[in-house]
N, C-alpha and C. Protein backbone atom coordinates (compact mmCIF):
# COMPACT_ATOMS: atom_id res chain seq x y z
N UNK A 1 12.84 -1.44 -87.04
CA UNK A 1 12.89 -2.89 -86.87
C UNK A 1 12.83 -3.08 -85.18
N UNK A 2 12.17 -3.85 -84.64
CA UNK A 2 12.28 -4.43 -83.20
C UNK A 2 13.66 -5.07 -82.88
N UNK A 3 13.91 -4.64 -81.62
CA UNK A 3 15.34 -5.55 -81.26
C UNK A 3 14.51 -7.02 -80.65
N UNK A 4 13.51 -7.03 -79.99
CA UNK A 4 13.23 -8.26 -79.29
C UNK A 4 11.68 -8.71 -80.11
N UNK A 5 12.07 -10.08 -80.35
CA UNK A 5 10.64 -10.68 -80.89
C UNK A 5 9.75 -10.83 -79.86
N UNK A 6 8.24 -11.12 -80.12
CA UNK A 6 7.56 -11.59 -78.87
C UNK A 6 7.88 -12.82 -78.44
N UNK A 7 7.60 -13.01 -77.22
CA UNK A 7 7.77 -14.35 -76.86
C UNK A 7 7.15 -15.41 -77.22
N UNK A 8 7.05 -16.61 -76.71
CA UNK A 8 6.22 -17.55 -77.09
C UNK A 8 4.91 -17.62 -76.63
N UNK A 9 3.98 -17.93 -77.39
CA UNK A 9 2.51 -17.71 -77.28
C UNK A 9 1.97 -19.17 -77.13
N UNK A 10 1.46 -19.41 -76.27
CA UNK A 10 0.81 -20.96 -76.07
C UNK A 10 -0.62 -20.77 -75.53
N UNK A 11 -1.39 -22.01 -76.41
CA UNK A 11 -2.83 -21.91 -76.03
C UNK A 11 -2.71 -23.44 -75.36
N UNK A 12 -3.63 -23.42 -74.22
CA UNK A 12 -3.75 -24.65 -73.60
C UNK A 12 -5.06 -25.35 -73.66
N UNK A 13 -5.27 -26.37 -73.34
CA UNK A 13 -6.56 -27.01 -73.32
C UNK A 13 -6.95 -27.56 -71.76
N UNK A 14 -8.11 -27.56 -71.72
CA UNK A 14 -8.75 -28.32 -70.49
C UNK A 14 -9.89 -29.21 -71.10
N UNK A 15 -10.10 -30.32 -70.45
CA UNK A 15 -11.01 -31.03 -71.01
C UNK A 15 -12.09 -31.45 -70.19
N UNK A 16 -13.37 -31.44 -70.60
CA UNK A 16 -14.53 -32.31 -69.70
C UNK A 16 -15.17 -33.26 -70.66
N UNK A 17 -15.25 -34.38 -69.79
CA UNK A 17 -15.95 -35.33 -70.65
C UNK A 17 -17.28 -35.66 -70.17
N UNK A 18 -18.36 -35.45 -70.91
CA UNK A 18 -19.63 -35.49 -70.55
C UNK A 18 -20.39 -36.64 -71.20
N UNK A 19 -20.62 -37.62 -70.63
CA UNK A 19 -21.26 -38.87 -70.80
C UNK A 19 -22.67 -38.60 -70.96
N UNK A 20 -23.40 -39.16 -71.93
CA UNK A 20 -24.78 -38.82 -72.08
C UNK A 20 -25.37 -40.16 -72.13
N UNK A 21 -26.46 -40.69 -71.35
CA UNK A 21 -27.26 -41.66 -71.25
C UNK A 21 -26.54 -42.74 -70.21
N UNK A 22 -27.12 -43.85 -70.28
CA UNK A 22 -26.81 -44.90 -69.06
C UNK A 22 -25.21 -45.11 -68.95
N UNK A 23 -24.92 -45.56 -67.81
CA UNK A 23 -23.47 -45.60 -67.35
C UNK A 23 -23.34 -47.21 -68.15
N UNK A 24 -21.84 -47.57 -68.67
CA UNK A 24 -21.47 -48.56 -69.12
C UNK A 24 -19.94 -48.90 -68.61
N UNK A 25 -19.99 -50.30 -69.12
CA UNK A 25 -18.59 -51.05 -68.31
C UNK A 25 -17.48 -50.00 -69.54
N UNK A 26 -17.74 -49.51 -70.63
CA UNK A 26 -16.99 -49.17 -71.93
C UNK A 26 -16.26 -47.90 -71.00
N UNK A 27 -14.86 -47.61 -71.36
CA UNK A 27 -14.24 -46.37 -70.71
C UNK A 27 -13.71 -45.78 -72.19
N UNK A 28 -13.32 -44.40 -72.08
CA UNK A 28 -12.72 -43.78 -72.83
C UNK A 28 -11.66 -42.65 -72.12
N UNK A 29 -10.59 -42.37 -72.95
CA UNK A 29 -9.49 -41.67 -72.17
C UNK A 29 -9.16 -40.27 -73.06
N UNK A 30 -9.19 -39.08 -73.03
CA UNK A 30 -8.80 -38.01 -73.68
C UNK A 30 -7.55 -37.64 -73.43
N UNK A 31 -6.69 -37.22 -74.30
CA UNK A 31 -5.39 -36.53 -74.06
C UNK A 31 -5.39 -35.51 -74.96
N UNK A 32 -4.66 -34.47 -74.94
CA UNK A 32 -4.30 -33.53 -75.68
C UNK A 32 -3.35 -32.51 -75.24
N UNK A 33 -2.75 -31.66 -75.82
CA UNK A 33 -1.30 -31.02 -75.58
C UNK A 33 -1.90 -29.64 -75.94
N UNK A 34 -0.77 -28.68 -75.67
CA UNK A 34 -1.03 -27.28 -76.16
C UNK A 34 -0.69 -27.02 -77.35
N UNK A 35 -1.27 -25.98 -77.68
CA UNK A 35 -0.88 -25.50 -79.21
C UNK A 35 0.10 -24.11 -78.84
N UNK A 36 1.40 -24.46 -79.58
CA UNK A 36 2.33 -23.63 -79.15
C UNK A 36 2.58 -22.89 -80.75
N UNK A 37 2.39 -21.54 -80.48
CA UNK A 37 2.51 -20.45 -81.82
C UNK A 37 4.02 -20.30 -82.18
N UNK A 38 4.80 -20.33 -81.16
CA UNK A 38 6.24 -19.63 -81.27
C UNK A 38 6.05 -18.26 -81.07
N UNK A 39 6.98 -17.71 -81.84
CA UNK A 39 7.26 -16.46 -81.90
C UNK A 39 6.40 -15.42 -83.02
N UNK A 40 5.51 -14.67 -82.61
CA UNK A 40 4.48 -13.77 -83.72
C UNK A 40 5.34 -12.47 -83.51
N UNK A 41 5.18 -11.80 -84.96
CA UNK A 41 5.96 -10.53 -85.29
C UNK A 41 4.59 -10.08 -85.94
N UNK A 42 4.04 -8.85 -84.81
CA UNK A 42 2.73 -8.30 -85.16
C UNK A 42 2.66 -7.22 -86.21
N UNK A 43 4.05 -6.96 -86.98
CA UNK A 43 4.11 -6.00 -87.74
C UNK A 43 3.56 -6.57 -89.61
N UNK A 44 3.89 -8.08 -89.67
CA UNK A 44 3.48 -8.46 -91.10
C UNK A 44 2.07 -8.62 -91.24
N UNK A 45 1.30 -8.61 -92.45
CA UNK A 45 0.00 -8.94 -92.61
C UNK A 45 -0.15 -10.24 -92.81
N UNK A 46 0.82 -11.09 -92.77
CA UNK A 46 0.67 -12.62 -92.73
C UNK A 46 0.22 -13.05 -91.40
N UNK A 47 -0.79 -14.35 -91.28
CA UNK A 47 -1.19 -14.92 -90.01
C UNK A 47 -0.04 -15.92 -89.43
N UNK A 48 -0.33 -16.56 -88.44
CA UNK A 48 0.59 -17.34 -87.93
C UNK A 48 -0.15 -18.55 -87.55
N UNK A 49 0.25 -19.83 -88.28
CA UNK A 49 -0.66 -21.02 -87.84
C UNK A 49 0.22 -21.86 -87.22
N UNK A 50 -0.62 -22.87 -86.44
CA UNK A 50 -0.09 -24.01 -85.62
C UNK A 50 -1.15 -24.91 -85.48
N UNK A 51 -0.76 -26.12 -84.98
CA UNK A 51 -1.69 -27.16 -85.17
C UNK A 51 -1.46 -28.10 -83.89
N UNK A 52 -2.57 -28.36 -83.21
CA UNK A 52 -2.71 -29.20 -81.83
C UNK A 52 -3.38 -30.59 -82.35
N UNK A 53 -3.63 -31.11 -81.24
CA UNK A 53 -4.57 -32.42 -81.39
C UNK A 53 -5.31 -32.90 -80.02
N UNK A 54 -6.39 -33.66 -80.52
CA UNK A 54 -6.81 -34.14 -79.23
C UNK A 54 -7.01 -35.64 -79.63
N UNK A 55 -6.72 -36.70 -78.59
CA UNK A 55 -6.79 -37.98 -78.87
C UNK A 55 -7.73 -38.82 -77.95
N UNK A 56 -8.75 -39.67 -78.48
CA UNK A 56 -9.77 -40.26 -77.85
C UNK A 56 -9.42 -41.71 -78.15
N UNK A 57 -8.96 -42.49 -76.83
CA UNK A 57 -8.53 -43.82 -76.85
C UNK A 57 -9.99 -44.47 -75.95
N UNK A 58 -10.56 -45.40 -76.65
CA UNK A 58 -11.79 -46.25 -75.89
C UNK A 58 -11.56 -47.65 -76.02
N UNK A 59 -12.03 -48.52 -75.07
CA UNK A 59 -12.04 -49.81 -75.11
C UNK A 59 -12.88 -50.61 -76.16
N UNK A 60 -13.89 -49.70 -76.78
CA UNK A 60 -14.91 -50.17 -77.69
C UNK A 60 -15.21 -49.14 -79.04
N UNK A 61 -15.91 -49.68 -79.42
CA UNK A 61 -16.16 -48.66 -80.86
C UNK A 61 -17.06 -47.50 -80.16
N UNK A 62 -16.77 -46.02 -80.58
CA UNK A 62 -17.55 -45.09 -80.31
C UNK A 62 -18.11 -44.07 -81.23
N UNK A 63 -18.73 -43.22 -80.85
CA UNK A 63 -19.23 -41.80 -81.45
C UNK A 63 -19.92 -41.04 -80.38
N UNK A 64 -18.96 -39.90 -80.88
CA UNK A 64 -19.12 -38.71 -79.79
C UNK A 64 -19.09 -37.38 -80.66
N UNK A 65 -19.63 -36.53 -79.93
CA UNK A 65 -19.48 -35.11 -80.55
C UNK A 65 -18.35 -34.16 -79.77
N UNK A 66 -17.57 -33.45 -80.55
CA UNK A 66 -16.31 -32.72 -80.11
C UNK A 66 -16.70 -31.09 -80.05
N UNK A 67 -16.84 -30.43 -78.95
CA UNK A 67 -17.06 -28.98 -79.04
C UNK A 67 -16.04 -28.30 -78.14
N UNK A 68 -15.78 -27.05 -78.44
CA UNK A 68 -14.64 -26.36 -78.06
C UNK A 68 -15.50 -24.83 -77.53
N UNK A 69 -15.14 -24.81 -76.12
CA UNK A 69 -15.47 -23.34 -75.78
C UNK A 69 -14.92 -22.02 -76.29
N UNK A 70 -15.34 -20.86 -75.98
CA UNK A 70 -14.79 -19.72 -76.66
C UNK A 70 -13.34 -19.34 -75.91
N UNK A 71 -13.28 -19.79 -74.75
CA UNK A 71 -11.92 -19.50 -74.05
C UNK A 71 -12.11 -18.26 -73.16
N UNK A 72 -11.42 -17.75 -72.32
CA UNK A 72 -11.26 -16.86 -71.39
C UNK A 72 -11.41 -15.52 -71.81
N UNK A 73 -11.08 -15.15 -73.02
CA UNK A 73 -10.64 -13.80 -73.38
C UNK A 73 -11.88 -12.93 -73.30
N UNK A 74 -11.69 -11.62 -72.91
CA UNK A 74 -12.77 -10.51 -72.89
C UNK A 74 -13.28 -10.26 -74.21
N UNK A 75 -14.66 -10.43 -74.44
CA UNK A 75 -15.10 -9.89 -76.03
C UNK A 75 -15.03 -10.98 -77.12
N UNK A 76 -14.40 -12.10 -76.71
CA UNK A 76 -14.10 -13.40 -77.58
C UNK A 76 -15.43 -13.56 -78.23
N UNK A 77 -15.36 -14.03 -79.57
CA UNK A 77 -16.70 -14.68 -80.25
C UNK A 77 -16.13 -15.52 -81.18
N UNK A 78 -17.02 -16.51 -81.80
CA UNK A 78 -16.56 -17.47 -82.82
C UNK A 78 -16.10 -16.66 -84.14
N UNK A 79 -17.07 -15.83 -84.35
CA UNK A 79 -16.80 -15.03 -85.77
C UNK A 79 -16.00 -13.96 -85.50
N UNK A 80 -15.83 -13.20 -84.48
CA UNK A 80 -14.89 -12.35 -84.24
C UNK A 80 -13.13 -12.96 -83.83
N UNK A 81 -13.30 -13.79 -83.33
CA UNK A 81 -12.13 -14.49 -82.79
C UNK A 81 -12.02 -14.57 -81.31
N UNK A 82 -11.39 -15.61 -80.99
CA UNK A 82 -10.96 -15.89 -79.61
C UNK A 82 -9.77 -14.88 -79.14
N UNK A 83 -9.64 -14.48 -77.83
CA UNK A 83 -8.52 -13.47 -77.55
C UNK A 83 -7.68 -14.31 -76.29
N UNK A 84 -6.15 -14.12 -76.86
CA UNK A 84 -5.12 -14.55 -75.75
C UNK A 84 -4.94 -13.42 -75.09
N UNK A 85 -4.75 -13.68 -73.64
CA UNK A 85 -4.33 -12.30 -73.07
C UNK A 85 -3.03 -12.52 -72.47
N UNK A 86 -2.46 -11.35 -72.09
CA UNK A 86 -1.03 -11.38 -71.54
C UNK A 86 -1.25 -11.00 -70.14
N UNK A 87 -0.51 -11.22 -69.08
CA UNK A 87 -0.50 -11.12 -67.82
C UNK A 87 -0.90 -9.65 -67.43
N UNK A 88 0.35 -9.05 -68.10
CA UNK A 88 0.33 -7.41 -67.87
C UNK A 88 -0.54 -6.63 -68.91
N UNK A 89 -1.67 -7.24 -69.52
CA UNK A 89 -2.62 -6.59 -70.21
C UNK A 89 -2.55 -6.81 -71.68
N UNK A 90 -3.40 -6.53 -72.54
CA UNK A 90 -3.46 -6.86 -73.91
C UNK A 90 -3.71 -8.20 -74.40
N UNK A 91 -4.05 -8.07 -75.76
CA UNK A 91 -4.92 -9.33 -76.21
C UNK A 91 -4.16 -9.47 -77.73
N UNK A 92 -4.61 -10.63 -78.13
CA UNK A 92 -4.02 -11.12 -79.22
C UNK A 92 -5.29 -12.06 -79.95
N UNK A 93 -5.70 -11.46 -80.98
CA UNK A 93 -6.99 -12.25 -81.94
C UNK A 93 -6.06 -13.80 -82.37
N UNK A 94 -7.12 -14.90 -82.13
CA UNK A 94 -6.76 -16.00 -83.02
C UNK A 94 -7.78 -16.76 -83.08
N UNK A 95 -8.00 -18.00 -83.58
CA UNK A 95 -9.10 -18.83 -83.55
C UNK A 95 -8.85 -20.35 -84.01
N UNK A 96 -9.71 -21.31 -83.57
CA UNK A 96 -9.16 -22.55 -84.00
C UNK A 96 -10.26 -23.18 -84.83
N UNK A 97 -9.84 -24.13 -85.57
CA UNK A 97 -10.33 -24.54 -86.80
C UNK A 97 -10.57 -26.16 -86.95
N UNK A 98 -11.63 -26.49 -87.50
CA UNK A 98 -12.01 -27.80 -87.78
C UNK A 98 -11.37 -28.30 -88.94
N UNK A 99 -10.64 -27.56 -89.81
CA UNK A 99 -9.99 -28.03 -91.00
C UNK A 99 -8.84 -27.24 -91.30
N UNK A 100 -7.81 -27.82 -92.16
CA UNK A 100 -6.61 -27.02 -92.58
C UNK A 100 -6.85 -25.88 -93.40
N UNK A 101 -8.05 -25.74 -94.15
CA UNK A 101 -8.00 -24.33 -94.88
C UNK A 101 -8.63 -23.24 -93.85
N UNK A 102 -8.75 -23.44 -92.73
CA UNK A 102 -9.34 -22.51 -91.74
C UNK A 102 -10.66 -21.79 -91.91
N UNK A 103 -11.45 -22.76 -92.88
CA UNK A 103 -12.67 -22.22 -93.01
C UNK A 103 -14.02 -22.58 -92.14
N UNK A 104 -13.90 -23.46 -91.24
CA UNK A 104 -14.70 -23.80 -90.03
C UNK A 104 -14.02 -23.58 -88.78
N UNK A 105 -14.66 -22.64 -88.01
CA UNK A 105 -14.39 -22.23 -86.53
C UNK A 105 -14.87 -23.40 -85.96
N UNK A 106 -14.00 -23.93 -85.20
CA UNK A 106 -14.36 -25.13 -84.30
C UNK A 106 -14.92 -24.48 -83.08
N UNK A 107 -16.14 -24.82 -82.50
CA UNK A 107 -16.65 -24.28 -81.46
C UNK A 107 -17.76 -25.12 -80.70
N UNK A 108 -18.81 -24.35 -80.31
CA UNK A 108 -20.04 -25.37 -79.67
C UNK A 108 -21.33 -25.31 -80.55
N UNK A 109 -20.87 -24.86 -81.96
CA UNK A 109 -22.08 -25.00 -82.86
C UNK A 109 -23.04 -23.66 -82.80
N UNK A 110 -22.62 -22.58 -82.03
CA UNK A 110 -23.44 -21.65 -82.09
C UNK A 110 -22.35 -20.32 -82.48
N UNK A 111 -23.04 -19.18 -82.94
CA UNK A 111 -22.20 -18.00 -83.54
C UNK A 111 -21.36 -18.36 -85.03
N UNK A 112 -21.86 -19.10 -85.66
CA UNK A 112 -21.20 -19.83 -86.97
C UNK A 112 -20.18 -20.76 -86.84
N UNK A 113 -19.82 -21.33 -85.42
CA UNK A 113 -18.71 -22.36 -85.24
C UNK A 113 -19.63 -23.74 -85.72
N UNK A 114 -19.00 -24.72 -85.68
CA UNK A 114 -19.23 -26.12 -86.06
C UNK A 114 -18.72 -26.76 -84.77
N UNK A 115 -19.24 -28.00 -84.68
CA UNK A 115 -18.87 -28.92 -83.66
C UNK A 115 -18.46 -30.25 -84.62
N UNK A 116 -17.67 -31.27 -84.19
CA UNK A 116 -17.29 -32.37 -85.04
C UNK A 116 -18.07 -33.65 -84.57
N UNK A 117 -18.35 -34.55 -85.30
CA UNK A 117 -18.85 -36.07 -85.06
C UNK A 117 -17.59 -36.65 -85.02
N UNK A 118 -17.17 -37.41 -83.88
CA UNK A 118 -15.81 -38.30 -84.03
C UNK A 118 -16.42 -39.49 -83.86
N UNK A 119 -15.94 -40.60 -84.53
CA UNK A 119 -16.10 -42.02 -84.54
C UNK A 119 -14.86 -42.70 -84.85
N UNK A 120 -14.89 -43.68 -83.87
CA UNK A 120 -13.62 -44.54 -84.03
C UNK A 120 -13.69 -45.86 -83.45
N UNK A 121 -12.63 -46.60 -83.40
CA UNK A 121 -12.50 -48.00 -82.57
C UNK A 121 -11.06 -47.96 -82.11
N UNK A 122 -11.12 -47.86 -80.92
CA UNK A 122 -9.88 -48.09 -79.96
C UNK A 122 -9.36 -46.72 -79.74
N UNK A 123 -8.57 -45.88 -80.80
CA UNK A 123 -8.26 -44.74 -80.71
C UNK A 123 -8.40 -43.99 -82.03
N UNK A 124 -8.74 -42.46 -81.54
CA UNK A 124 -9.10 -41.66 -82.76
C UNK A 124 -8.00 -40.24 -82.32
N UNK A 125 -7.72 -39.64 -83.48
CA UNK A 125 -6.86 -38.38 -83.26
C UNK A 125 -7.40 -37.47 -83.90
N UNK A 126 -7.72 -36.09 -83.45
CA UNK A 126 -8.56 -34.95 -84.20
C UNK A 126 -7.25 -34.03 -84.22
N UNK A 127 -6.97 -33.54 -85.30
CA UNK A 127 -6.24 -32.25 -85.54
C UNK A 127 -7.03 -31.21 -85.35
N UNK A 128 -6.43 -30.11 -84.75
CA UNK A 128 -7.21 -28.80 -84.58
C UNK A 128 -6.17 -27.80 -84.85
N UNK A 129 -6.43 -26.83 -86.07
CA UNK A 129 -5.83 -26.06 -86.66
C UNK A 129 -6.18 -24.96 -86.03
N UNK A 130 -4.96 -23.87 -85.65
CA UNK A 130 -4.85 -22.45 -84.82
C UNK A 130 -4.37 -21.48 -85.72
N UNK A 131 -4.99 -20.50 -85.68
CA UNK A 131 -4.31 -19.45 -86.54
C UNK A 131 -4.40 -18.10 -85.61
N UNK A 132 -3.25 -17.29 -85.56
CA UNK A 132 -3.44 -15.92 -84.99
C UNK A 132 -3.38 -14.94 -86.42
N UNK A 133 -4.44 -14.06 -86.23
CA UNK A 133 -4.70 -12.96 -87.15
C UNK A 133 -3.27 -12.31 -87.23
N UNK A 134 -3.15 -11.94 -88.67
CA UNK A 134 -1.92 -11.08 -89.01
C UNK A 134 -2.25 -9.62 -88.80
N UNK A 135 -1.42 -8.97 -88.59
CA UNK A 135 -1.20 -7.33 -88.59
C UNK A 135 -1.93 -6.92 -87.34
N UNK A 136 -1.43 -7.22 -86.12
CA UNK A 136 -1.81 -6.83 -84.76
C UNK A 136 -0.86 -6.05 -84.20
N UNK A 137 -0.77 -4.83 -84.75
CA UNK A 137 0.31 -3.89 -84.40
C UNK A 137 0.22 -3.16 -82.93
N UNK A 138 -0.91 -3.56 -82.20
CA UNK A 138 -0.73 -3.01 -80.85
C UNK A 138 -0.52 -4.35 -79.85
N UNK A 139 -0.18 -5.33 -80.38
CA UNK A 139 0.29 -6.58 -79.54
C UNK A 139 1.65 -6.28 -78.89
N UNK A 140 1.68 -6.26 -77.35
CA UNK A 140 3.06 -5.92 -76.89
C UNK A 140 3.81 -7.25 -76.90
N UNK A 141 4.95 -7.27 -76.44
CA UNK A 141 5.91 -8.25 -76.17
C UNK A 141 5.44 -8.83 -75.08
N UNK A 142 5.41 -10.25 -74.97
CA UNK A 142 5.23 -11.07 -73.76
C UNK A 142 4.54 -12.24 -74.15
N UNK A 143 4.30 -13.09 -73.26
CA UNK A 143 3.54 -14.49 -73.31
C UNK A 143 2.03 -13.98 -73.27
N UNK A 144 1.16 -14.88 -74.35
CA UNK A 144 -0.04 -14.58 -74.42
C UNK A 144 -0.62 -16.18 -74.06
N UNK A 145 -1.91 -16.50 -73.57
CA UNK A 145 -2.59 -17.61 -73.22
C UNK A 145 -3.78 -17.59 -73.26
N UNK A 146 -4.52 -18.77 -73.50
CA UNK A 146 -5.86 -18.74 -73.10
C UNK A 146 -6.13 -20.08 -72.86
N UNK A 147 -7.53 -20.43 -72.10
CA UNK A 147 -7.83 -21.84 -71.84
C UNK A 147 -9.08 -22.17 -72.50
N UNK A 148 -9.24 -23.28 -73.12
CA UNK A 148 -10.41 -23.64 -73.90
C UNK A 148 -10.52 -25.02 -73.45
N UNK A 149 -12.11 -24.96 -73.26
CA UNK A 149 -12.57 -26.26 -72.67
C UNK A 149 -13.00 -27.05 -73.78
N UNK A 150 -12.52 -28.28 -74.01
CA UNK A 150 -13.13 -29.38 -74.84
C UNK A 150 -13.95 -30.27 -74.40
N UNK A 151 -15.27 -30.51 -74.79
CA UNK A 151 -16.21 -31.11 -74.39
C UNK A 151 -16.36 -32.42 -75.48
N UNK A 152 -16.61 -33.45 -74.83
CA UNK A 152 -16.82 -34.87 -75.59
C UNK A 152 -18.13 -35.31 -75.08
N UNK A 153 -18.87 -35.28 -75.80
CA UNK A 153 -20.48 -35.96 -75.60
C UNK A 153 -20.52 -37.27 -76.15
N UNK A 154 -20.69 -38.36 -75.60
CA UNK A 154 -21.18 -39.53 -76.19
C UNK A 154 -22.19 -40.42 -75.43
């Protein structure tokens, strides 16, 4: 049995808002936080789940498309998983999902991933489900992170 658990795993978001069409007096503000997985034990076969969210607040009714990048991990793919990395080397497989059943990978619409159509009036919050794949025994102790770009097109 290990003496020390893995340190906290954190997934952070960067946002890009990409307006499409003519400029209007309408405005939207997008806020998000990080997804903190907490302590991960690489030995069990169970996956570790966490949830984050992205909130869009506008001064009028809106319809937009939400897409997420693969992140910065080398050899990441929507179907094979995103990769969190550790400063001293090493990766940890994870993915982001559009549903709590983890059946729809949230991405840019390529490689089996889906985008989300979001509609609302004033405020809309979208949950984003995250999962670290279980049984990654080569994962070393440390902090792992990735940066994913969320693009809102409206």
